[in-house]
């Protein structure tokens, strides 16, 4: 269920960025529009890659959320520059939310990797204790 919501969030973010990028290009701001449009297309590419390959990479996920946050903050700046009334607050909140997501994913990944290392160490220590009890430790001469 979480993956479905994540995919919907990525698609919605990509859609907003593509539309805003296209609008800026047609408003005679080709550089700004191209940057926003490329961010949106990159997000679509990530969603396609994730669904097609069926591979879950937490580091890639963190990277995409980071770039989504940057793109949304850049879009917030564009909305403020255009003098919009309320939409910039929504994109600002979404951008900050993406950075919070990156932080949470980083902490989760760090906790998981520390947990797996300590588990491996515990299993290794337990195996050594068993070998000591049985007297089957390999000697240093071998």
Foldseek 3Di string as FASTA:
>chain_A
DVVVVVLVVLLVLLVVLLVVLVVCVVVVNNVLSVVSNVLSVVSVVVSCCCVVVVDDDLVVVLVNLLSSLVSLLSVLVVCVVVVDDPVSVVSNVSSVVSVVVSVVSVVVVVVVVVVVVVVVVVVVVVVVVVCVVVVNDDDPVD
